Amino acid sequence: MTEIRMQHKTRLSADEIKKKMNGFIEKTLGEFNAKISDTEKQWEKNTLSFSFKTKGMRVSGKVFIEDRLITVEVTIPRVACIFKNKIVNRFNKEAKTLFP
């Protein structure tokens, strides 16, 4: 398994981030609905734990929300390492748009 850690600084409060994050999650699940299964997500205060399967591989992670900071830690199977840059680039692009 390989871990990916990403951070994004924003001017938003933790509450604002959490509201926008819920919308982003629903949009993303809808976009990739045909490619993922067994989705799980659970909020505990300002930490979101999530997991899903794609192409038979389990992906899991956590999103930590603080005032003006989002940290995402994702664990992917080693064979999926070729997608690491794609994951990081997508996170950076989406974070800049959603969390200015």
PDB file of N, CA and C in Angstrom:
ATOM      1  N   MET A   1       0.843  -1.180   0.000  1.00  0.00           N
ATOM      2  CA  MET A   1       0.000   0.000   0.000  1.00  0.00           C
ATOM      3  C   MET A   1       0.887   1.240   0.000  1.00  0.00           C
ATOM      4  N   THR A   2       0.399   2.263  -0.637  1.00  0.00           N
ATOM      5  CA  THR A   2       1.112   3.527  -0.743  1.00  0.00           C
ATOM      6  C   THR A   2       0.234   4.636  -0.187  1.00  0.00           C
ATOM      7  N   GLU A   3       0.841   5.520   0.573  1.00  0.00           N
ATOM      8  CA  GLU A   3       0.100   6.644   1.127  1.00  0.00           C
ATOM      9  C   GLU A   3       0.417   7.919   0.370  1.00  0.00           C
ATOM     10  N   ILE A   4      -0.624   8.707   0.154  1.00  0.00           N
ATOM     11  CA  ILE A   4      -0.491  10.011  -0.487  1.00  0.00           C
ATOM     12  C   ILE A   4      -1.008  11.036   0.509  1.00  0.00           C
ATOM     13  N   ARG A   5      -0.240  12.082   0.745  1.00  0.00           N
ATOM     14  CA  ARG A   5      -0.654  13.146   1.672  1.00  0.00           C
ATOM     15  C   ARG A   5      -0.677  14.460   0.910  1.00  0.00           C
ATOM     16  N   MET A   6      -1.821  15.137   0.984  1.00  0.00           N
ATOM     17  CA  MET A   6      -1.991  16.399   0.265  1.00  0.00           C
ATOM     18  C   MET A   6      -2.559  17.440   1.215  1.00  0.00           C
ATOM     19  N   GLN A   7      -2.163  18.687   1.012  1.00  0.00           N
ATOM     20  CA  GLN A   7      -2.696  19.779   1.827  1.00  0.00           C
ATOM     21  C   GLN A   7      -3.070  20.957   0.939  1.00  0.00           C
ATOM     22  N   HIS A   8      -4.046  21.710   1.431  1.00  0.00           N
ATOM     23  CA  HIS A   8      -4.463  22.921   0.727  1.00  0.00           C
ATOM     24  C   HIS A   8      -4.818  23.977   1.762  1.00  0.00           C
ATOM     25  N   LYS A   9      -4.196  25.144   1.637  1.00  0.00           N
ATOM     26  CA  LYS A   9      -4.520  26.278   2.508  1.00  0.00           C
ATOM     27  C   LYS A   9      -5.629  27.082   1.846  1.00  0.00           C
ATOM     28  N   THR A  10      -6.542  27.565   2.666  1.00  0.00           N
ATOM     29  CA  THR A  10      -7.707  28.291   2.182  1.00  0.00           C
ATOM     30  C   THR A  10      -8.018  29.438   3.133  1.00  0.00           C
ATOM     31  N   ARG A  11      -8.898  30.319   2.718  1.00  0.00           N
ATOM     32  CA  ARG A  11      -9.322  31.399   3.612  1.00  0.00           C
ATOM     33  C   ARG A  11     -10.619  31.036   4.346  1.00  0.00           C
ATOM     34  N   LEU A  12     -11.148  29.841   4.069  1.00  0.00           N
ATOM     35  CA  LEU A  12     -12.427  29.413   4.628  1.00  0.00           C
ATOM     36  C   LEU A  12     -12.296  28.826   6.028  1.00  0.00           C
ATOM     37  N   SER A  13     -13.383  28.939   6.782  1.00  0.00           N
ATOM     38  CA  SER A  13     -13.437  28.326   8.109  1.00  0.00           C
ATOM     39  C   SER A  13     -13.696  26.831   7.965  1.00  0.00           C
ATOM     40  N   ALA A  14     -13.496  26.101   9.036  1.00  0.00           N
ATOM     41  CA  ALA A  14     -13.734  24.655   9.030  1.00  0.00           C
ATOM     42  C   ALA A  14     -15.186  24.343   8.674  1.00  0.00           C
ATOM     43  N   ASP A  15     -16.141  25.116   9.200  1.00  0.00           N
ATOM     44  CA  ASP A  15     -17.555  24.879   8.888  1.00  0.00           C
ATOM     45  C   ASP A  15     -17.847  25.091   7.408  1.00  0.00           C
ATOM     46  N   GLU A  16     -17.285  26.148   6.818  1.00  0.00           N
ATOM     47  CA  GLU A  16     -17.493  26.409   5.391  1.00  0.00           C
ATOM     48  C   GLU A  16     -16.877  25.297   4.543  1.00  0.00           C
ATOM     49  N   ILE A  17     -15.697  24.850   4.924  1.00  0.00           N
ATOM     50  CA  ILE A  17     -15.023  23.768   4.192  1.00  0.00           C
ATOM     51  C   ILE A  17     -15.877  22.499   4.235  1.00  0.00           C
ATOM     52  N   LYS A  18     -16.379  22.175   5.417  1.00  0.00           N
ATOM     53  CA  LYS A  18     -17.156  20.942   5.586  1.00  0.00           C
ATOM     54  C   LYS A  18     -18.417  20.961   4.717  1.00  0.00           C
ATOM     55  N   LYS A  19     -19.107  22.094   4.664  1.00  0.00           N
ATOM     56  CA  LYS A  19     -20.308  22.201   3.834  1.00  0.00           C
ATOM     57  C   LYS A  19     -19.962  21.985   2.356  1.00  0.00           C
ATOM     58  N   LYS A  20     -18.918  22.640   1.896  1.00  0.00           N
ATOM     59  CA  LYS A  20     -18.512  22.493   0.500  1.00  0.00           C
ATOM     60  C   LYS A  20     -17.987  21.089   0.218  1.00  0.00           C
ATOM     61  N   MET A  21     -17.319  20.489   1.191  1.00  0.00           N
ATOM     62  CA  MET A  21     -16.768  19.146   1.027  1.00  0.00           C
ATOM     63  C   MET A  21     -17.893  18.141   0.802  1.00  0.00           C
ATOM     64  N   ASN A  22     -18.992  18.274   1.525  1.00  0.00           N
ATOM     65  CA  ASN A  22     -20.124  17.361   1.334  1.00  0.00           C
ATOM     66  C   ASN A  22     -20.654  17.435  -0.092  1.00  0.00           C
ATOM     67  N   GLY A  23     -20.765  18.630  -0.649  1.00  0.00           N
ATOM     68  CA  GLY A  23     -21.205  18.785  -2.033  1.00  0.00           C
ATOM     69  C   GLY A  23     -20.221  18.182  -3.014  1.00  0.00           C
ATOM     70  N   PHE A  24     -18.946  18.385  -2.762  1.00  0.00           N
ATOM     71  CA  PHE A  24     -17.906  17.834  -3.623  1.00  0.00           C
ATOM     72  C   PHE A  24     -17.936  16.310  -3.610  1.00  0.00           C
ATOM     73  N   ILE A  25     -18.136  15.727  -2.442  1.00  0.00           N
ATOM     74  CA  ILE A  25     -18.182  14.270  -2.321  1.00  0.00           C
ATOM     75  C   ILE A  25     -19.338  13.705  -3.147  1.00  0.00           C
ATOM     76  N   GLU A  26     -20.509  14.300  -3.015  1.00  0.00           N
ATOM     77  CA  GLU A  26     -21.667  13.811  -3.763  1.00  0.00           C
ATOM     78  C   GLU A  26     -21.438  13.947  -5.271  1.00  0.00           C
ATOM     79  N   LYS A  27     -20.857  15.055  -5.693  1.00  0.00           N
ATOM     80  CA  LYS A  27     -20.568  15.265  -7.121  1.00  0.00           C
ATOM     81  C   LYS A  27     -19.576  14.219  -7.619  1.00  0.00           C
ATOM     82  N   THR A  28     -18.530  13.972  -6.859  1.00  0.00           N
ATOM     83  CA  THR A  28     -17.507  13.012  -7.254  1.00  0.00           C
ATOM     84  C   THR A  28     -18.057  11.594  -7.296  1.00  0.00           C
ATOM     85  N   LEU A  29     -18.848  11.227  -6.288  1.00  0.00           N
ATOM     86  CA  LEU A  29     -19.457   9.892  -6.292  1.00  0.00           C
ATOM     87  C   LEU A  29     -20.346   9.709  -7.516  1.00  0.00           C
ATOM     88  N   GLY A  30     -21.084  10.734  -7.886  1.00  0.00           N
ATOM     89  CA  GLY A  30     -21.927  10.658  -9.064  1.00  0.00           C
ATOM     90  C   GLY A  30     -21.109  10.521 -10.349  1.00  0.00           C
ATOM     91  N   GLU A  31     -20.001  11.246 -10.407  1.00  0.00           N
ATOM     92  CA  GLU A  31     -19.147  11.226 -11.593  1.00  0.00           C
ATOM     93  C   GLU A  31     -18.490   9.867 -11.812  1.00  0.00           C
ATOM     94  N   PHE A  32     -18.095   9.233 -10.722  1.00  0.00           N
ATOM     95  CA  PHE A  32     -17.378   7.959 -10.824  1.00  0.00           C
ATOM     96  C   PHE A  32     -18.240   6.758 -10.428  1.00  0.00           C
ATOM     97  N   ASN A  33     -19.537   6.946 -10.342  1.00  0.00           N
ATOM     98  CA  ASN A  33     -20.447   5.915  -9.877  1.00  0.00           C
ATOM     99  C   ASN A  33     -20.269   4.579 -10.587  1.00  0.00           C
ATOM    100  N   ALA A  34     -20.029   4.603 -11.891  1.00  0.00           N
ATOM    101  CA  ALA A  34     -19.888   3.355 -12.656  1.00  0.00           C
ATOM    102  C   ALA A  34     -18.544   2.675 -12.417  1.00  0.00           C
ATOM    103  N   LYS A  35     -17.588   3.392 -11.853  1.00  0.00           N
ATOM    104  CA  LYS A  35     -16.238   2.853 -11.684  1.00  0.00           C
ATOM    105  C   LYS A  35     -15.904   2.466 -10.251  1.00  0.00           C
ATOM    106  N   ILE A  36     -16.778   2.814  -9.305  1.00  0.00           N
ATOM    107  CA  ILE A  36     -16.486   2.505  -7.901  1.00  0.00           C
ATOM    108  C   ILE A  36     -17.652   1.762  -7.271  1.00  0.00           C
ATOM    109  N   SER A  37     -17.341   1.045  -6.188  1.00  0.00           N
ATOM    110  CA  SER A  37     -18.377   0.326  -5.445  1.00  0.00           C
ATOM    111  C   SER A  37     -17.997   0.294  -3.972  1.00  0.00           C
ATOM    112  N   ASP A  38     -18.899  -0.211  -3.168  1.00  0.00           N
ATOM    113  CA  ASP A  38     -18.666  -0.366  -1.724  1.00  0.00           C
ATOM    114  C   ASP A  38     -18.173   0.924  -1.087  1.00  0.00           C
ATOM    115  N   THR A  39     -18.828   2.042  -1.428  1.00  0.00           N
ATOM    116  CA  THR A  39     -18.407   3.321  -0.870  1.00  0.00           C
ATOM    117  C   THR A  39     -18.848   3.444   0.589  1.00  0.00           C
ATOM    118  N   GLU A  40     -17.956   3.957   1.377  1.00  0.00           N
ATOM    119  CA  GLU A  40     -18.235   4.226   2.785  1.00  0.00           C
ATOM    120  C   GLU A  40     -17.670   5.589   3.116  1.00  0.00           C
ATOM    121  N   LYS A  41     -18.434   6.364   3.902  1.00  0.00           N
ATOM    122  CA  LYS A  41     -17.931   7.642   4.380  1.00  0.00           C
ATOM    123  C   LYS A  41     -18.565   7.929   5.733  1.00  0.00           C
ATOM    124  N   GLN A  42     -17.767   8.497   6.606  1.00  0.00           N
ATOM    125  CA  GLN A  42     -18.267   8.785   7.942  1.00  0.00           C
ATOM    126  C   GLN A  42     -17.534   9.998   8.499  1.00  0.00           C
ATOM    127  N   TRP A  43     -18.325  10.971   8.926  1.00  0.00           N
ATOM    128  CA  TRP A  43     -17.773  12.151   9.582  1.00  0.00           C
ATOM    129  C   TRP A  43     -17.681  11.914  11.077  1.00  0.00           C
ATOM    130  N   GLU A  44     -16.594  12.314  11.674  1.00  0.00           N
ATOM    131  CA  GLU A  44     -16.465  12.377  13.120  1.00  0.00           C
ATOM    132  C   GLU A  44     -15.869  13.746  13.418  1.00  0.00           C
ATOM    133  N   LYS A  45     -16.742  14.649  13.837  1.00  0.00           N
ATOM    134  CA  LYS A  45     -16.397  16.063  14.000  1.00  0.00           C
ATOM    135  C   LYS A  45     -15.880  16.590  12.668  1.00  0.00           C
ATOM    136  N   ASN A  46     -14.630  17.006  12.582  1.00  0.00           N
ATOM    137  CA  ASN A  46     -14.086  17.569  11.348  1.00  0.00           C
ATOM    138  C   ASN A  46     -13.136  16.615  10.628  1.00  0.00           C
ATOM    139  N   THR A  47     -13.353  15.326  10.823  1.00  0.00           N
ATOM    140  CA  THR A  47     -12.556  14.320  10.125  1.00  0.00           C
ATOM    141  C   THR A  47     -13.490  13.390   9.366  1.00  0.00           C
ATOM    142  N   LEU A  48     -13.226  13.264   8.079  1.00  0.00           N
ATOM    143  CA  LEU A  48     -14.000  12.363   7.232  1.00  0.00           C
ATOM    144  C   LEU A  48     -13.164  11.134   6.927  1.00  0.00           C
ATOM    145  N   SER A  49     -13.673   9.970   7.268  1.00  0.00           N
ATOM    146  CA  SER A  49     -13.047   8.700   6.887  1.00  0.00           C
ATOM    147  C   SER A  49     -13.818   8.164   5.691  1.00  0.00           C
ATOM    148  N   PHE A  50     -13.110   7.662   4.689  1.00  0.00           N
ATOM    149  CA  PHE A  50     -13.789   7.160   3.502  1.00  0.00           C
ATOM    150  C   PHE A  50     -13.061   5.939   2.960  1.00  0.00           C
ATOM    151  N   SER A  51     -13.795   5.154   2.182  1.00  0.00           N
ATOM    152  CA  SER A  51     -13.197   4.038   1.460  1.00  0.00           C
ATOM    153  C   SER A  51     -14.121   3.646   0.325  1.00  0.00           C
ATOM    154  N   PHE A  52     -13.542   2.995  -0.668  1.00  0.00           N
ATOM    155  CA  PHE A  52     -14.305   2.492  -1.803  1.00  0.00           C
ATOM    156  C   PHE A  52     -13.444   1.478  -2.539  1.00  0.00           C
ATOM    157  N   LYS A  53     -14.088   0.723  -3.424  1.00  0.00           N
ATOM    158  CA  LYS A  53     -13.374  -0.210  -4.286  1.00  0.00           C
ATOM    159  C   LYS A  53     -13.447   0.301  -5.716  1.00  0.00           C
ATOM    160  N   THR A  54     -12.349   0.127  -6.426  1.00  0.00           N
ATOM    161  CA  THR A  54     -12.317   0.417  -7.853  1.00  0.00           C
ATOM    162  C   THR A  54     -11.461  -0.650  -8.522  1.00  0.00           C
ATOM    163  N   LYS A  55     -12.010  -1.242  -9.537  1.00  0.00           N
ATOM    164  CA  LYS A  55     -11.323  -2.329 -10.255  1.00  0.00           C
ATOM    165  C   LYS A  55     -10.819  -3.406  -9.291  1.00  0.00           C
ATOM    166  N   GLY A  56     -11.629  -3.694  -8.273  1.00  0.00           N
ATOM    167  CA  GLY A  56     -11.294  -4.732  -7.303  1.00  0.00           C
ATOM    168  C   GLY A  56     -10.285  -4.329  -6.244  1.00  0.00           C
ATOM    169  N   MET A  57      -9.836  -3.076  -6.260  1.00  0.00           N
ATOM    170  CA  MET A  57      -8.838  -2.606  -5.295  1.00  0.00           C
ATOM    171  C   MET A  57      -9.483  -1.660  -4.293  1.00  0.00           C
ATOM    172  N   ARG A  58      -9.103  -1.779  -3.041  1.00  0.00           N
ATOM    173  CA  ARG A  58      -9.625  -0.940  -1.971  1.00  0.00           C
ATOM    174  C   ARG A  58      -8.785   0.317  -1.847  1.00  0.00           C
ATOM    175  N   VAL A  59      -9.458   1.459  -1.812  1.00  0.00           N
ATOM    176  CA  VAL A  59      -8.833   2.760  -1.579  1.00  0.00           C
ATOM    177  C   VAL A  59      -9.469   3.322  -0.316  1.00  0.00           C
ATOM    178  N   SER A  60      -8.659   3.877   0.573  1.00  0.00           N
ATOM    179  CA  SER A  60      -9.209   4.449   1.800  1.00  0.00           C
ATOM    180  C   SER A  60      -8.437   5.710   2.165  1.00  0.00           C
ATOM    181  N   GLY A  61      -9.026   6.467   3.057  1.00  0.00           N
ATOM    182  CA  GLY A  61      -8.327   7.670   3.472  1.00  0.00           C
ATOM    183  C   GLY A  61      -9.102   8.481   4.477  1.00  0.00           C
ATOM    184  N   LYS A  62      -8.522   9.635   4.804  1.00  0.00           N
ATOM    185  CA  LYS A  62      -9.136  10.563   5.748  1.00  0.00           C
ATOM    186  C   LYS A  62      -8.926  11.979   5.245  1.00  0.00           C
ATOM    187  N   VAL A  63      -9.921  12.810   5.535  1.00  0.00           N
ATOM    188  CA  VAL A  63      -9.834  14.236   5.258  1.00  0.00           C
ATOM    189  C   VAL A  63      -9.920  14.937   6.606  1.00  0.00           C
ATOM    190  N   PHE A  64      -8.911  15.741   6.907  1.00  0.00           N
ATOM    191  CA  PHE A  64      -8.854  16.481   8.160  1.00  0.00           C
ATOM    192  C   PHE A  64      -9.109  17.955   7.840  1.00  0.00           C
ATOM    193  N   ILE A  65     -10.123  18.514   8.491  1.00  0.00           N
ATOM    194  CA  ILE A  65     -10.498  19.896   8.222  1.00  0.00           C
ATOM    195  C   ILE A  65     -10.214  20.754   9.448  1.00  0.00           C
ATOM    196  N   GLU A  66      -9.525  21.854   9.189  1.00  0.00           N
ATOM    197  CA  GLU A  66      -9.268  22.867  10.206  1.00  0.00           C
ATOM    198  C   GLU A  66      -9.613  24.215   9.587  1.00  0.00           C
ATOM    199  N   ASP A  67      -9.702  25.257  10.404  1.00  0.00           N
ATOM    200  CA  ASP A  67      -9.860  26.582   9.838  1.00  0.00           C
ATOM    201  C   ASP A  67      -8.680  26.850   8.917  1.00  0.00           C
ATOM    202  N   ARG A  68      -8.979  27.182   7.676  1.00  0.00           N
ATOM    203  CA  ARG A  68      -8.002  27.571   6.660  1.00  0.00           C
ATOM    204  C   ARG A  68      -7.047  26.456   6.206  1.00  0.00           C
ATOM    205  N   LEU A  69      -7.368  25.187   6.504  1.00  0.00           N
ATOM    206  CA  LEU A  69      -6.487  24.103   6.071  1.00  0.00           C
ATOM    207  C   LEU A  69      -7.252  22.796   5.872  1.00  0.00           C
ATOM    208  N   ILE A  70      -6.959  22.139   4.743  1.00  0.00           N
ATOM    209  CA  ILE A  70      -7.503  20.812   4.445  1.00  0.00           C
ATOM    210  C   ILE A  70      -6.312  19.877   4.248  1.00  0.00           C
ATOM    211  N   THR A  71      -6.341  18.749   4.937  1.00  0.00           N
ATOM    212  CA  THR A  71      -5.313  17.731   4.760  1.00  0.00           C
ATOM    213  C   THR A  71      -6.002  16.437   4.364  1.00  0.00           C
ATOM    214  N   VAL A  72      -5.516  15.824   3.302  1.00  0.00           N
ATOM    215  CA  VAL A  72      -6.083  14.567   2.817  1.00  0.00           C
ATOM    216  C   VAL A  72      -4.982  13.518   2.820  1.00  0.00           C
ATOM    217  N   GLU A  73      -5.273  12.379   3.417  1.00  0.00           N
ATOM    218  CA  GLU A  73      -4.367  11.236   3.403  1.00  0.00           C
ATOM    219  C   GLU A  73      -5.105  10.075   2.752  1.00  0.00           C
ATOM    220  N   VAL A  74      -4.545   9.555   1.684  1.00  0.00           N
ATOM    221  CA  VAL A  74      -5.176   8.474   0.921  1.00  0.00           C
ATOM    222  C   VAL A  74      -4.222   7.290   0.873  1.00  0.00           C
ATOM    223  N   THR A  75      -4.761   6.104   1.069  1.00  0.00           N
ATOM    224  CA  THR A  75      -3.990   4.873   0.942  1.00  0.00           C
ATOM    225  C   THR A  75      -4.491   4.129  -0.286  1.00  0.00           C
ATOM    226  N   ILE A  76      -3.558   3.884  -1.220  1.00  0.00           N
ATOM    227  CA  ILE A  76      -3.907   3.174  -2.445  1.00  0.00           C
ATOM    228  C   ILE A  76      -3.036   1.923  -2.570  1.00  0.00           C
ATOM    229  N   PRO A  77      -3.520   0.919  -3.279  1.00  0.00           N
ATOM    230  CA  PRO A  77      -2.698  -0.268  -3.513  1.00  0.00           C
ATOM    231  C   PRO A  77      -1.437   0.108  -4.295  1.00  0.00           C
ATOM    232  N   ARG A  78      -0.380  -0.614  -4.042  1.00  0.00           N
ATOM    233  CA  ARG A  78       0.894  -0.342  -4.708  1.00  0.00           C
ATOM    234  C   ARG A  78       0.771  -0.354  -6.234  1.00  0.00           C
ATOM    235  N   VAL A  79      -0.055  -1.242  -6.761  1.00  0.00           N
ATOM    236  CA  VAL A  79      -0.210  -1.317  -8.217  1.00  0.00           C
ATOM    237  C   VAL A  79      -0.882  -0.076  -8.788  1.00  0.00           C
ATOM    238  N   ALA A  80      -1.529   0.717  -7.947  1.00  0.00           N
ATOM    239  CA  ALA A  80      -2.196   1.937  -8.399  1.00  0.00           C
ATOM    240  C   ALA A  80      -1.296   3.166  -8.313  1.00  0.00           C
ATOM    241  N   CYS A  81      -0.033   2.968  -7.952  1.00  0.00           N
ATOM    242  CA  CYS A  81       0.908   4.090  -7.822  1.00  0.00           C
ATOM    243  C   CYS A  81       1.050   4.897  -9.105  1.00  0.00           C
ATOM    244  N   ILE A  82       0.789   4.272 -10.224  1.00  0.00           N
ATOM    245  CA  ILE A  82       0.896   5.002 -11.487  1.00  0.00           C
ATOM    246  C   ILE A  82      -0.124   6.142 -11.568  1.00  0.00           C
ATOM    247  N   PHE A  83      -1.144   6.111 -10.706  1.00  0.00           N
ATOM    248  CA  PHE A  83      -2.164   7.150 -10.682  1.00  0.00           C
ATOM    249  C   PHE A  83      -1.896   8.237  -9.648  1.00  0.00           C
ATOM    250  N   LYS A  84      -0.797   8.127  -8.935  1.00  0.00           N
ATOM    251  CA  LYS A  84      -0.511   9.073  -7.852  1.00  0.00           C
ATOM    252  C   LYS A  84      -0.513  10.521  -8.345  1.00  0.00           C
ATOM    253  N   ASN A  85       0.205  10.815  -9.409  1.00  0.00           N
ATOM    254  CA  ASN A  85       0.254  12.186  -9.921  1.00  0.00           C
ATOM    255  C   ASN A  85      -1.119  12.672 -10.367  1.00  0.00           C
ATOM    256  N   LYS A  86      -1.893  11.791 -10.964  1.00  0.00           N
ATOM    257  CA  LYS A  86      -3.239  12.150 -11.399  1.00  0.00           C
ATOM    258  C   LYS A  86      -4.112  12.508 -10.191  1.00  0.00           C
ATOM    259  N   ILE A  87      -3.992  11.746  -9.120  1.00  0.00           N
ATOM    260  CA  ILE A  87      -4.756  12.002  -7.898  1.00  0.00           C
ATOM    261  C   ILE A  87      -4.357  13.353  -7.306  1.00  0.00           C
ATOM    262  N   VAL A  88      -3.058  13.591  -7.184  1.00  0.00           N
ATOM    263  CA  VAL A  88      -2.560  14.844  -6.605  1.00  0.00           C
ATOM    264  C   VAL A  88      -2.977  16.036  -7.469  1.00  0.00           C
ATOM    265  N   ASN A  89      -2.837  15.922  -8.776  1.00  0.00           N
ATOM    266  CA  ASN A  89      -3.215  17.019  -9.668  1.00  0.00           C
ATOM    267  C   ASN A  89      -4.705  17.331  -9.595  1.00  0.00           C
ATOM    268  N   ARG A  90      -5.517  16.293  -9.535  1.00  0.00           N
ATOM    269  CA  ARG A  90      -6.973  16.508  -9.431  1.00  0.00           C
ATOM    270  C   ARG A  90      -7.313  17.180  -8.111  1.00  0.00           C
ATOM    271  N   PHE A  91      -6.699  16.719  -7.021  1.00  0.00           N
ATOM    272  CA  PHE A  91      -6.939  17.339  -5.719  1.00  0.00           C
ATOM    273  C   PHE A  91      -6.580  18.826  -5.771  1.00  0.00           C
ATOM    274  N   ASN A  92      -5.398  19.143  -6.278  1.00  0.00           N
ATOM    275  CA  ASN A  92      -4.955  20.537  -6.330  1.00  0.00           C
ATOM    276  C   ASN A  92      -5.901  21.400  -7.166  1.00  0.00           C
ATOM    277  N   LYS A  93      -6.328  20.880  -8.296  1.00  0.00           N
ATOM    278  CA  LYS A  93      -7.236  21.621  -9.174  1.00  0.00           C
ATOM    279  C   LYS A  93      -8.578  21.864  -8.494  1.00  0.00           C
ATOM    280  N   GLU A  94      -9.165  20.807  -7.939  1.00  0.00           N
ATOM    281  CA  GLU A  94     -10.472  20.928  -7.287  1.00  0.00           C
ATOM    282  C   GLU A  94     -10.391  21.811  -6.044  1.00  0.00           C
ATOM    283  N   ALA A  95      -9.334  21.667  -5.272  1.00  0.00           N
ATOM    284  CA  ALA A  95      -9.188  22.447  -4.031  1.00  0.00           C
ATOM    285  C   ALA A  95      -9.096  23.941  -4.331  1.00  0.00           C
ATOM    286  N   LYS A  96      -8.341  24.307  -5.363  1.00  0.00           N
ATOM    287  CA  LYS A  96      -8.218  25.724  -5.727  1.00  0.00           C
ATOM    288  C   LYS A  96      -9.561  26.316  -6.124  1.00  0.00           C
ATOM    289  N   THR A  97     -10.379  25.530  -6.805  1.00  0.00           N
ATOM    290  CA  THR A  97     -11.676  26.005  -7.253  1.00  0.00           C
ATOM    291  C   THR A  97     -12.687  26.074  -6.113  1.00  0.00           C
ATOM    292  N   LEU A  98     -12.776  25.010  -5.322  1.00  0.00           N
ATOM    293  CA  LEU A  98     -13.807  24.918  -4.284  1.00  0.00           C
ATOM    294  C   LEU A  98     -13.465  25.624  -2.975  1.00  0.00           C
ATOM    295  N   PHE A  99     -12.198  25.687  -2.670  1.00  0.00           N
ATOM    296  CA  PHE A  99     -11.764  26.209  -1.361  1.00  0.00           C
ATOM    297  C   PHE A  99     -10.743  27.330  -1.533  1.00  0.00           C
ATOM    298  N   PRO A 100     -11.194  28.501  -2.015  1.00  0.00           N
ATOM    299  CA  PRO A 100     -10.248  29.601  -2.276  1.00  0.00           C
ATOM    300  C   PRO A 100      -9.595  30.140  -1.005  1.00  0.00           C
TER     301      PRO A 100
END
